[in-house]
């Protein structure tokens, strides 16, 4: 069995994929999304990081974080976010948990890599067939990114982005 070693870059920017246990649609329930938001805010208050982008889908989420200079500990932040959110989730009887064990991370290497992952995050609801355009998905940072001037409101509606066929889940 191979030993997985996480990339730890102090002050780095990371792309994450976090999946619910057995792909249960726990995040289709607004109260669970609200609980997850409270968990993020609580952990960010205690152990700051910048949440550059996110998307929440019924059975998984993706996000980009930038950690403070000198800090590479995203694992304990994820542990605390999952633990805090799970306490509030109303799980079905017999459920064996809210989250798959662990998460998947990728170190963002440069501006091009950052943009590809931003695009992937915001196109994800379209890729999964939930909406026709990123601007239609409520649980995403897309509209905030439009306000910052990073995207046009109709981004990806005329032509699918280059990340449309990628699968980072």
Protein backbone atom coordinates (compact mmCIF):
# COMPACT_ATOMS: atom_id res chain seq x y z
CA UNK A 1 0.00 0.00 0.00
CA UNK A 2 1.39 3.38 -1.04
CA UNK A 3 1.80 6.14 1.50
CA UNK A 4 0.21 9.36 0.35
CA UNK A 5 2.21 12.48 1.11
CA UNK A 6 0.44 15.81 1.05
CA UNK A 7 2.08 18.84 -0.49
CA UNK A 8 2.71 21.40 2.22
CA UNK A 9 3.65 24.86 0.94
CA UNK A 10 3.54 27.54 3.66
CA UNK A 11 1.40 30.45 2.44
CA UNK A 12 0.39 28.39 -0.58
CA UNK A 13 -2.81 28.38 -2.59
CA UNK A 14 -4.63 25.05 -2.85
CA UNK A 15 -7.54 23.56 -4.77
CA UNK A 16 -9.63 21.10 -2.73
CA UNK A 17 -12.31 18.54 -3.47
CA UNK A 18 -14.32 17.27 -0.50
CA UNK A 19 -16.96 14.56 -0.99
CA UNK A 20 -19.84 13.40 1.19
CA UNK A 21 -19.86 9.85 2.50
CA UNK A 22 -21.09 7.45 -0.19
CA UNK A 23 -21.95 10.54 -2.27
CA UNK A 24 -25.05 11.18 -0.13
CA UNK A 25 -26.75 14.42 -1.30
CA UNK A 26 -26.33 16.00 2.13
CA UNK A 27 -25.50 19.36 0.59
CA UNK A 28 -28.78 19.49 -1.32
CA UNK A 29 -30.40 20.53 1.95
CA UNK A 30 -30.17 24.26 2.63
CA UNK A 31 -29.88 23.78 6.39
CA UNK A 32 -26.76 21.64 5.84
CA UNK A 33 -25.25 24.27 3.53
CA UNK A 34 -25.96 26.88 6.19
CA UNK A 35 -24.26 24.67 8.80
CA UNK A 36 -21.28 24.22 6.49
CA UNK A 37 -21.06 28.01 6.07
CA UNK A 38 -21.05 28.49 9.84
CA UNK A 39 -18.31 25.86 10.14
CA UNK A 40 -16.18 27.66 7.54
CA UNK A 41 -16.65 31.02 9.28
CA UNK A 42 -15.82 29.56 12.70
CA UNK A 43 -12.64 27.88 11.47
CA UNK A 44 -11.57 30.91 9.40
CA UNK A 45 -12.01 33.10 12.49
CA UNK A 46 -9.85 30.78 14.62
CA UNK A 47 -7.28 29.91 11.93
CA UNK A 48 -7.49 32.46 9.08
CA UNK A 49 -7.22 31.65 5.40
CA UNK A 50 -8.52 33.31 2.26
CA UNK A 51 -11.35 31.54 0.48
CA UNK A 52 -10.64 32.53 -3.12
CA UNK A 53 -13.48 30.53 -4.72
CA UNK A 54 -15.97 27.78 -3.93
CA UNK A 55 -18.84 25.74 -5.27
CA UNK A 56 -21.13 23.49 -3.25
CA UNK A 57 -22.96 20.68 -5.04
CA UNK A 58 -25.30 18.10 -3.46
CA UNK A 59 -22.58 15.50 -2.83
CA UNK A 60 -19.28 17.37 -2.99
CA UNK A 61 -17.61 20.76 -2.96
CA UNK A 62 -14.59 22.40 -4.51
CA UNK A 63 -12.71 25.43 -3.28
CA UNK A 64 -9.52 27.44 -3.57
CA UNK A 65 -7.79 28.59 -0.40
CA UNK A 66 -4.74 30.72 0.21
CA UNK A 67 -3.09 30.14 3.57
CA UNK A 68 -1.28 32.83 5.59
CA UNK A 69 2.44 33.26 5.06
CA UNK A 70 4.35 30.59 6.97
CA UNK A 71 1.27 28.37 7.45
CA UNK A 72 0.73 25.11 5.57
CA UNK A 73 -1.76 23.40 7.88
CA UNK A 74 -4.89 22.98 5.81
CA UNK A 75 -5.52 19.44 7.09
CA UNK A 76 -6.52 20.47 10.60
CA UNK A 77 -8.70 23.22 9.17
CA UNK A 78 -10.57 20.65 7.04
CA UNK A 79 -10.86 18.34 10.04
CA UNK A 80 -12.43 21.13 12.08
CA UNK A 81 -14.75 22.26 9.27
CA UNK A 82 -16.01 18.72 8.70
CA UNK A 83 -16.41 18.02 12.42
CA UNK A 84 -18.21 21.30 13.12
CA UNK A 85 -20.57 20.97 10.15
CA UNK A 86 -21.33 17.31 10.85
CA UNK A 87 -22.49 18.13 14.39
CA UNK A 88 -25.26 20.23 12.85
CA UNK A 89 -26.19 17.97 9.92
CA UNK A 90 -29.36 15.99 10.44
CA UNK A 91 -28.18 12.62 9.18
CA UNK A 92 -30.55 9.82 8.29
CA UNK A 93 -30.79 6.97 10.80
CA UNK A 94 -28.14 4.38 10.19
CA UNK A 95 -25.83 6.80 8.40
CA UNK A 96 -22.15 6.10 8.99
CA UNK A 97 -21.02 9.68 8.59
CA UNK A 98 -21.26 12.85 6.57
CA UNK A 99 -17.94 12.94 4.71
CA UNK A 100 -15.64 10.63 2.83
CA UNK A 101 -12.42 10.22 4.71
CA UNK A 102 -9.85 12.82 3.77
CA UNK A 103 -10.02 15.13 0.78
CA UNK A 104 -8.14 15.76 -2.42
CA UNK A 105 -5.78 18.72 -2.70
CA UNK A 106 -3.70 20.26 -5.44
CA UNK A 107 -1.07 22.99 -4.99
CA UNK A 108 -1.69 25.90 -7.32
CA UNK A 109 1.55 26.42 -9.19
CA UNK A 110 1.06 29.67 -11.12
CA UNK A 111 -1.53 32.14 -12.43
CA UNK A 112 -2.55 29.86 -15.30
CA UNK A 113 -3.11 26.94 -12.91
CA UNK A 114 -5.11 29.24 -10.59
CA UNK A 115 -7.34 30.38 -13.47
CA UNK A 116 -7.96 26.81 -14.67
CA UNK A 117 -9.05 25.78 -11.19
CA UNK A 118 -11.23 28.89 -10.79
CA UNK A 119 -12.90 28.05 -14.10
CA UNK A 120 -13.34 24.42 -13.08
CA UNK A 121 -14.98 25.43 -9.79
CA UNK A 122 -17.42 27.83 -11.42
CA UNK A 123 -18.28 25.57 -14.37
CA UNK A 124 -18.88 22.53 -12.14
CA UNK A 125 -22.68 22.97 -11.69
CA UNK A 126 -23.01 23.22 -15.49
CA UNK A 127 -20.80 20.16 -15.98
CA UNK A 128 -23.05 18.14 -13.66
CA UNK A 129 -26.21 19.34 -15.43
CA UNK A 130 -27.69 21.35 -12.55
CA UNK A 131 -27.83 24.63 -14.49
CA UNK A 132 -27.17 25.97 -17.98
CA UNK A 133 -24.80 28.74 -16.82
CA UNK A 134 -22.60 29.35 -13.76
CA UNK A 135 -24.55 32.52 -12.92
CA UNK A 136 -27.63 30.37 -12.26
CA UNK A 137 -26.04 28.35 -9.42
CA UNK A 138 -26.72 29.80 -5.98
CA UNK A 139 -24.01 28.00 -3.99
CA UNK A 140 -20.94 29.37 -5.71
CA UNK A 141 -18.56 32.31 -5.58
CA UNK A 142 -19.21 33.02 -9.28
CA UNK A 143 -21.34 36.14 -8.73
CA UNK A 144 -18.77 37.57 -6.30
CA UNK A 145 -16.07 36.95 -8.91
CA UNK A 146 -18.19 38.76 -11.53
CA UNK A 147 -18.42 41.75 -9.14
CA UNK A 148 -14.61 41.71 -8.83
CA UNK A 149 -14.34 41.83 -12.63
CA UNK A 150 -12.80 38.36 -12.90
CA UNK A 151 -15.64 37.00 -15.07
CA UNK A 152 -18.33 38.35 -17.34
CA UNK A 153 -21.88 37.48 -16.21
CA UNK A 154 -22.39 35.32 -19.32
CA UNK A 155 -19.03 33.51 -19.06
CA UNK A 156 -19.13 30.03 -20.61
CA UNK A 157 -22.62 30.45 -22.12
CA UNK A 158 -21.39 31.02 -25.69
CA UNK A 159 -18.56 28.50 -25.64
CA UNK A 160 -17.64 25.85 -23.03
CA UNK A 161 -14.41 26.68 -21.21
CA UNK A 162 -11.27 24.62 -21.73
CA UNK A 163 -11.89 22.87 -18.38
CA UNK A 164 -15.33 21.56 -19.40
CA UNK A 165 -14.07 18.01 -19.95
CA UNK A 166 -11.72 17.84 -16.98
CA UNK A 167 -12.58 15.72 -13.96
CA UNK A 168 -10.91 16.71 -10.70
CA UNK A 169 -13.29 14.90 -8.37
